[in-house]
N, C-alpha and C. Protein backbone atom coordinates (compact mmCIF):
# COMPACT_ATOMS: atom_id res chain seq x y z
N UNK A 1 8.10 -40.79 20.25
CA UNK A 1 8.10 -39.50 19.60
C UNK A 1 8.70 -39.58 18.19
N UNK A 2 9.48 -40.59 17.91
CA UNK A 2 10.17 -40.69 16.62
C UNK A 2 9.22 -40.62 15.43
N UNK A 3 8.06 -41.27 15.48
CA UNK A 3 7.17 -41.20 14.31
C UNK A 3 6.63 -39.79 14.02
N UNK A 4 6.75 -38.88 14.98
CA UNK A 4 6.18 -37.55 14.81
C UNK A 4 7.23 -36.44 14.62
N UNK A 5 8.50 -36.79 14.68
CA UNK A 5 9.54 -35.77 14.61
C UNK A 5 9.58 -35.08 13.24
N UNK A 6 9.08 -35.74 12.20
CA UNK A 6 9.04 -35.13 10.88
C UNK A 6 8.23 -33.84 10.87
N UNK A 7 7.34 -33.68 11.84
CA UNK A 7 6.54 -32.47 11.91
C UNK A 7 7.39 -31.23 12.20
N UNK A 8 8.50 -31.40 12.90
CA UNK A 8 9.40 -30.26 13.11
C UNK A 8 9.90 -29.71 11.79
N UNK A 9 10.32 -30.62 10.91
CA UNK A 9 10.82 -30.21 9.59
C UNK A 9 9.69 -29.70 8.71
N UNK A 10 8.56 -30.39 8.72
CA UNK A 10 7.41 -29.98 7.90
C UNK A 10 6.95 -28.58 8.27
N UNK A 11 6.79 -28.34 9.56
CA UNK A 11 6.30 -27.04 10.02
C UNK A 11 7.28 -25.92 9.66
N UNK A 12 8.56 -26.20 9.82
CA UNK A 12 9.57 -25.18 9.48
C UNK A 12 9.54 -24.88 7.98
N UNK A 13 9.58 -25.92 7.16
CA UNK A 13 9.61 -25.73 5.70
C UNK A 13 8.32 -25.07 5.21
N UNK A 14 7.19 -25.58 5.65
CA UNK A 14 5.91 -25.00 5.23
C UNK A 14 5.77 -23.56 5.70
N UNK A 15 6.20 -23.30 6.92
CA UNK A 15 6.12 -21.93 7.45
C UNK A 15 6.93 -20.95 6.63
N UNK A 16 8.12 -21.34 6.26
CA UNK A 16 8.99 -20.47 5.46
C UNK A 16 8.34 -20.16 4.11
N UNK A 17 7.87 -21.20 3.42
CA UNK A 17 7.30 -20.98 2.08
C UNK A 17 5.93 -20.32 2.14
N UNK A 18 5.14 -20.63 3.15
CA UNK A 18 3.83 -19.98 3.27
C UNK A 18 4.02 -18.49 3.50
N UNK A 19 4.94 -18.14 4.39
CA UNK A 19 5.23 -16.72 4.67
C UNK A 19 5.73 -16.00 3.42
N UNK A 20 6.70 -16.60 2.75
CA UNK A 20 7.27 -15.95 1.57
C UNK A 20 6.29 -15.94 0.39
N UNK A 21 5.52 -17.02 0.24
CA UNK A 21 4.54 -17.07 -0.85
C UNK A 21 3.46 -16.02 -0.69
N UNK A 22 2.84 -15.99 0.48
CA UNK A 22 1.78 -15.00 0.72
C UNK A 22 2.32 -13.58 0.66
N UNK A 23 3.54 -13.39 1.11
CA UNK A 23 4.14 -12.05 1.11
C UNK A 23 4.41 -11.50 -0.28
N UNK A 24 4.49 -12.37 -1.27
CA UNK A 24 4.76 -11.92 -2.64
C UNK A 24 3.53 -11.36 -3.34
N UNK A 25 2.34 -11.83 -2.97
CA UNK A 25 1.12 -11.40 -3.67
C UNK A 25 0.91 -9.89 -3.68
N UNK A 26 1.06 -9.19 -2.57
CA UNK A 26 0.83 -7.74 -2.62
C UNK A 26 1.95 -6.95 -3.32
N UNK A 27 3.09 -7.58 -3.55
CA UNK A 27 4.22 -6.87 -4.16
C UNK A 27 4.73 -7.60 -5.41
N UNK A 28 3.84 -8.21 -6.16
CA UNK A 28 4.25 -9.02 -7.31
C UNK A 28 5.10 -8.24 -8.31
N UNK A 29 4.70 -7.03 -8.63
CA UNK A 29 5.45 -6.25 -9.63
C UNK A 29 6.85 -5.92 -9.12
N UNK A 30 6.95 -5.54 -7.87
CA UNK A 30 8.26 -5.21 -7.30
C UNK A 30 9.14 -6.45 -7.23
N UNK A 31 8.57 -7.59 -6.82
CA UNK A 31 9.31 -8.84 -6.78
C UNK A 31 9.78 -9.23 -8.18
N UNK A 32 8.90 -9.13 -9.16
CA UNK A 32 9.25 -9.48 -10.53
C UNK A 32 10.39 -8.61 -11.04
N UNK A 33 10.34 -7.32 -10.74
CA UNK A 33 11.39 -6.41 -11.18
C UNK A 33 12.72 -6.73 -10.49
N UNK A 34 12.66 -7.07 -9.21
CA UNK A 34 13.89 -7.38 -8.47
C UNK A 34 14.59 -8.60 -9.06
N UNK A 35 13.82 -9.60 -9.48
CA UNK A 35 14.39 -10.84 -10.02
C UNK A 35 14.53 -10.77 -11.54
N UNK A 36 14.02 -9.70 -12.13
CA UNK A 36 14.06 -9.51 -13.59
C UNK A 36 13.31 -10.63 -14.31
N UNK A 37 12.03 -10.78 -13.94
CA UNK A 37 11.17 -11.78 -14.57
C UNK A 37 9.79 -11.17 -14.80
N UNK A 38 9.02 -11.74 -15.70
CA UNK A 38 7.66 -11.23 -15.91
C UNK A 38 6.79 -11.39 -14.66
N UNK A 39 5.81 -10.53 -14.54
CA UNK A 39 4.91 -10.58 -13.38
C UNK A 39 4.19 -11.93 -13.34
N UNK A 40 3.85 -12.50 -14.50
CA UNK A 40 3.19 -13.80 -14.54
C UNK A 40 4.05 -14.88 -13.87
N UNK A 41 5.35 -14.84 -14.12
CA UNK A 41 6.26 -15.82 -13.50
C UNK A 41 6.34 -15.58 -12.00
N UNK A 42 6.36 -14.32 -11.58
CA UNK A 42 6.37 -14.00 -10.15
C UNK A 42 5.10 -14.53 -9.49
N UNK A 43 3.96 -14.42 -10.19
CA UNK A 43 2.71 -14.96 -9.67
C UNK A 43 2.80 -16.48 -9.53
N UNK A 44 3.37 -17.14 -10.52
CA UNK A 44 3.55 -18.60 -10.43
C UNK A 44 4.41 -18.98 -9.24
N UNK A 45 5.47 -18.24 -9.00
CA UNK A 45 6.35 -18.52 -7.86
C UNK A 45 5.57 -18.38 -6.56
N UNK A 46 4.81 -17.31 -6.42
CA UNK A 46 4.01 -17.11 -5.20
C UNK A 46 3.00 -18.23 -5.02
N UNK A 47 2.36 -18.64 -6.10
CA UNK A 47 1.39 -19.74 -6.03
C UNK A 47 2.08 -21.06 -5.68
N UNK A 48 3.23 -21.32 -6.30
CA UNK A 48 3.97 -22.56 -6.02
C UNK A 48 4.41 -22.61 -4.57
N UNK A 49 4.88 -21.50 -4.04
CA UNK A 49 5.33 -21.48 -2.65
C UNK A 49 4.16 -21.72 -1.69
N UNK A 50 3.06 -21.05 -1.94
CA UNK A 50 1.90 -21.18 -1.06
C UNK A 50 1.28 -22.57 -1.16
N UNK A 51 1.07 -23.05 -2.37
CA UNK A 51 0.50 -24.39 -2.55
C UNK A 51 1.45 -25.46 -2.02
N UNK A 52 2.74 -25.31 -2.27
CA UNK A 52 3.71 -26.27 -1.77
C UNK A 52 3.67 -26.39 -0.26
N UNK A 53 3.52 -25.26 0.42
CA UNK A 53 3.43 -25.28 1.89
C UNK A 53 2.21 -26.06 2.35
N UNK A 54 1.08 -25.83 1.69
CA UNK A 54 -0.14 -26.55 2.05
C UNK A 54 0.04 -28.05 1.80
N UNK A 55 0.68 -28.41 0.68
CA UNK A 55 0.88 -29.83 0.36
C UNK A 55 1.85 -30.50 1.33
N UNK A 56 2.91 -29.80 1.71
CA UNK A 56 3.86 -30.38 2.68
C UNK A 56 3.14 -30.68 4.00
N UNK A 57 2.31 -29.75 4.44
CA UNK A 57 1.55 -29.99 5.68
C UNK A 57 0.51 -31.09 5.48
N UNK A 58 -0.24 -31.00 4.40
CA UNK A 58 -1.27 -32.00 4.13
C UNK A 58 -0.69 -33.39 3.95
N UNK A 59 0.49 -33.47 3.36
CA UNK A 59 1.13 -34.77 3.17
C UNK A 59 1.41 -35.49 4.46
N UNK A 60 1.61 -34.76 5.53
CA UNK A 60 1.83 -35.39 6.83
C UNK A 60 0.62 -36.15 7.32
N UNK A 61 -0.56 -35.73 6.87
CA UNK A 61 -1.80 -36.41 7.24
C UNK A 61 -2.25 -37.41 6.18
N UNK A 62 -1.79 -37.21 4.95
CA UNK A 62 -2.29 -38.01 3.84
C UNK A 62 -1.27 -39.06 3.42
N UNK A 63 -0.47 -38.77 2.40
CA UNK A 63 0.47 -39.78 1.92
C UNK A 63 1.71 -39.15 1.30
N UNK A 64 2.65 -40.00 0.93
CA UNK A 64 3.94 -39.54 0.38
C UNK A 64 3.78 -38.76 -0.92
N UNK A 65 2.79 -39.12 -1.73
CA UNK A 65 2.60 -38.42 -3.01
C UNK A 65 2.29 -36.95 -2.78
N UNK A 66 1.51 -36.65 -1.77
CA UNK A 66 1.16 -35.26 -1.46
C UNK A 66 2.39 -34.52 -0.94
N UNK A 67 3.14 -35.16 -0.06
CA UNK A 67 4.37 -34.57 0.45
C UNK A 67 5.34 -34.29 -0.69
N UNK A 68 5.53 -35.26 -1.57
CA UNK A 68 6.46 -35.10 -2.70
C UNK A 68 5.98 -34.02 -3.66
N UNK A 69 4.68 -33.91 -3.86
CA UNK A 69 4.15 -32.86 -4.74
C UNK A 69 4.48 -31.48 -4.19
N UNK A 70 4.40 -31.31 -2.88
CA UNK A 70 4.77 -30.03 -2.29
C UNK A 70 6.26 -29.76 -2.44
N UNK A 71 7.06 -30.77 -2.17
CA UNK A 71 8.52 -30.59 -2.24
C UNK A 71 8.99 -30.31 -3.67
N UNK A 72 8.36 -30.95 -4.65
CA UNK A 72 8.79 -30.75 -6.04
C UNK A 72 8.52 -29.31 -6.49
N UNK A 73 7.58 -28.65 -5.88
CA UNK A 73 7.33 -27.23 -6.20
C UNK A 73 8.44 -26.34 -5.65
N UNK A 74 9.05 -26.74 -4.55
CA UNK A 74 10.07 -25.92 -3.91
C UNK A 74 11.44 -26.01 -4.59
N UNK A 75 11.78 -27.17 -5.12
CA UNK A 75 13.14 -27.40 -5.63
C UNK A 75 13.51 -26.41 -6.75
N UNK A 76 12.70 -26.23 -7.79
CA UNK A 76 13.11 -25.27 -8.82
C UNK A 76 13.16 -23.83 -8.31
N UNK A 77 12.27 -23.49 -7.40
CA UNK A 77 12.28 -22.14 -6.82
C UNK A 77 13.61 -21.90 -6.11
N UNK A 78 14.05 -22.86 -5.32
CA UNK A 78 15.28 -22.67 -4.57
C UNK A 78 16.50 -22.69 -5.49
N UNK A 79 16.50 -23.53 -6.49
CA UNK A 79 17.63 -23.54 -7.44
C UNK A 79 17.77 -22.19 -8.14
N UNK A 80 16.65 -21.66 -8.59
CA UNK A 80 16.70 -20.35 -9.26
C UNK A 80 17.10 -19.26 -8.27
N UNK A 81 16.56 -19.30 -7.06
CA UNK A 81 16.92 -18.29 -6.06
C UNK A 81 18.41 -18.33 -5.74
N UNK A 82 18.96 -19.52 -5.61
CA UNK A 82 20.39 -19.65 -5.32
C UNK A 82 21.22 -19.07 -6.46
N UNK A 83 20.88 -19.44 -7.69
CA UNK A 83 21.68 -19.01 -8.84
C UNK A 83 21.49 -17.53 -9.15
N UNK A 84 20.24 -17.04 -9.15
CA UNK A 84 19.97 -15.67 -9.58
C UNK A 84 20.19 -14.62 -8.50
N UNK A 85 20.01 -15.00 -7.23
CA UNK A 85 20.01 -13.99 -6.17
C UNK A 85 21.16 -14.17 -5.19
N UNK A 86 21.44 -15.39 -4.78
CA UNK A 86 22.35 -15.61 -3.65
C UNK A 86 23.73 -16.12 -4.03
N UNK A 87 23.95 -16.53 -5.26
CA UNK A 87 25.21 -17.14 -5.68
C UNK A 87 26.36 -16.15 -5.50
N UNK A 88 27.49 -16.66 -5.03
CA UNK A 88 28.68 -15.84 -4.91
C UNK A 88 29.00 -15.41 -3.50
N UNK A 89 28.08 -15.64 -2.59
CA UNK A 89 28.32 -15.32 -1.18
C UNK A 89 27.72 -16.45 -0.35
N UNK A 90 28.51 -17.03 0.52
CA UNK A 90 28.01 -18.15 1.31
C UNK A 90 27.17 -17.68 2.49
N UNK A 91 27.70 -16.80 3.30
CA UNK A 91 27.02 -16.38 4.53
C UNK A 91 25.65 -15.80 4.28
N UNK A 92 24.82 -15.82 5.30
CA UNK A 92 23.44 -15.38 5.14
C UNK A 92 23.25 -13.87 5.33
N UNK A 93 24.26 -13.18 5.83
CA UNK A 93 24.13 -11.75 6.08
C UNK A 93 24.10 -10.97 4.77
N UNK A 94 23.21 -9.99 4.66
CA UNK A 94 23.19 -9.15 3.45
C UNK A 94 24.49 -8.37 3.30
N UNK A 95 24.85 -8.11 2.07
CA UNK A 95 26.02 -7.29 1.77
C UNK A 95 25.65 -6.37 0.62
N UNK A 96 26.56 -5.49 0.26
CA UNK A 96 26.29 -4.58 -0.85
C UNK A 96 26.09 -5.36 -2.15
N UNK A 97 26.88 -6.40 -2.35
CA UNK A 97 26.76 -7.21 -3.56
C UNK A 97 25.56 -8.17 -3.50
N UNK A 98 25.15 -8.53 -2.29
CA UNK A 98 24.04 -9.49 -2.11
C UNK A 98 23.07 -8.94 -1.06
N UNK A 99 22.22 -7.98 -1.45
CA UNK A 99 21.31 -7.38 -0.47
C UNK A 99 20.31 -8.36 0.14
N UNK A 100 20.05 -9.48 -0.54
CA UNK A 100 19.15 -10.50 0.02
C UNK A 100 19.92 -11.57 0.79
N UNK A 101 21.20 -11.38 0.98
CA UNK A 101 22.02 -12.35 1.70
C UNK A 101 22.59 -13.40 0.79
N UNK A 102 23.47 -14.20 1.35
CA UNK A 102 24.13 -15.25 0.58
C UNK A 102 23.30 -16.51 0.49
N UNK A 103 23.96 -17.60 0.10
CA UNK A 103 23.24 -18.82 -0.22
C UNK A 103 23.20 -19.86 0.90
N UNK A 104 23.70 -19.54 2.06
CA UNK A 104 23.72 -20.48 3.18
C UNK A 104 22.30 -20.97 3.52
N UNK A 105 21.40 -20.06 3.78
CA UNK A 105 20.03 -20.40 4.14
C UNK A 105 19.28 -21.07 2.97
N UNK A 106 19.35 -20.52 1.74
CA UNK A 106 18.67 -21.18 0.62
C UNK A 106 19.16 -22.61 0.35
N UNK A 107 20.44 -22.87 0.57
CA UNK A 107 20.95 -24.24 0.36
C UNK A 107 20.33 -25.19 1.39
N UNK A 108 20.17 -24.74 2.61
CA UNK A 108 19.54 -25.58 3.64
C UNK A 108 18.08 -25.85 3.27
N UNK A 109 17.39 -24.84 2.80
CA UNK A 109 15.99 -25.01 2.39
C UNK A 109 15.90 -25.95 1.19
N UNK A 110 16.83 -25.84 0.25
CA UNK A 110 16.86 -26.76 -0.89
C UNK A 110 17.10 -28.19 -0.41
N UNK A 111 18.04 -28.38 0.49
CA UNK A 111 18.33 -29.73 1.02
C UNK A 111 17.11 -30.31 1.73
N UNK A 112 16.42 -29.51 2.51
CA UNK A 112 15.23 -29.98 3.20
C UNK A 112 14.12 -30.33 2.20
N UNK A 113 13.98 -29.54 1.17
CA UNK A 113 12.99 -29.83 0.12
C UNK A 113 13.34 -31.13 -0.59
N UNK A 114 14.62 -31.33 -0.90
CA UNK A 114 15.05 -32.57 -1.55
C UNK A 114 14.82 -33.77 -0.64
N UNK A 115 15.02 -33.61 0.64
CA UNK A 115 14.75 -34.67 1.60
C UNK A 115 13.30 -35.14 1.49
N UNK A 116 12.36 -34.18 1.53
CA UNK A 116 10.95 -34.55 1.45
C UNK A 116 10.60 -35.09 0.07
N UNK A 117 11.22 -34.58 -0.97
CA UNK A 117 10.98 -35.10 -2.31
C UNK A 117 11.41 -36.55 -2.41
N UNK A 118 12.55 -36.88 -1.87
CA UNK A 118 13.09 -38.24 -1.96
C UNK A 118 12.40 -39.18 -0.96
N UNK A 119 12.26 -38.76 0.27
CA UNK A 119 11.73 -39.63 1.32
C UNK A 119 10.21 -39.66 1.41
N UNK A 120 9.56 -38.61 0.99
CA UNK A 120 8.11 -38.56 1.16
C UNK A 120 7.76 -38.64 2.63
N UNK A 121 6.90 -39.54 2.98
CA UNK A 121 6.51 -39.73 4.38
C UNK A 121 7.28 -40.86 5.03
N UNK A 122 8.24 -41.43 4.36
CA UNK A 122 9.02 -42.55 4.91
C UNK A 122 10.10 -42.04 5.83
N UNK A 123 9.73 -41.78 7.05
CA UNK A 123 10.69 -41.23 8.02
C UNK A 123 11.26 -42.34 8.88
């Protein structure tokens, strides 16, 4: 089973970004306003999340370059999310100061993305 355990991580990471990426398309203007960025940048984020999810999954069947291409799309998204939205509160529960929750969950997602970026398919 060891050669296939990477699929647990791939499915989790791809599922998170696919869900969040697709969910941004119908609310691009609201998302852009919440993060204080142009709608074009919000569109790029949604595209990067969705494409990255497809590449992370596809990389499991193809090669490390595909896996790394998906992961490299996630890293800047998570860094910006941590700094702009979640910084200042560790726990994941929403609060008045952090309605989207703290940085606990985003840091784990960043670490998982960095893992795939560095390791590729070399599990």
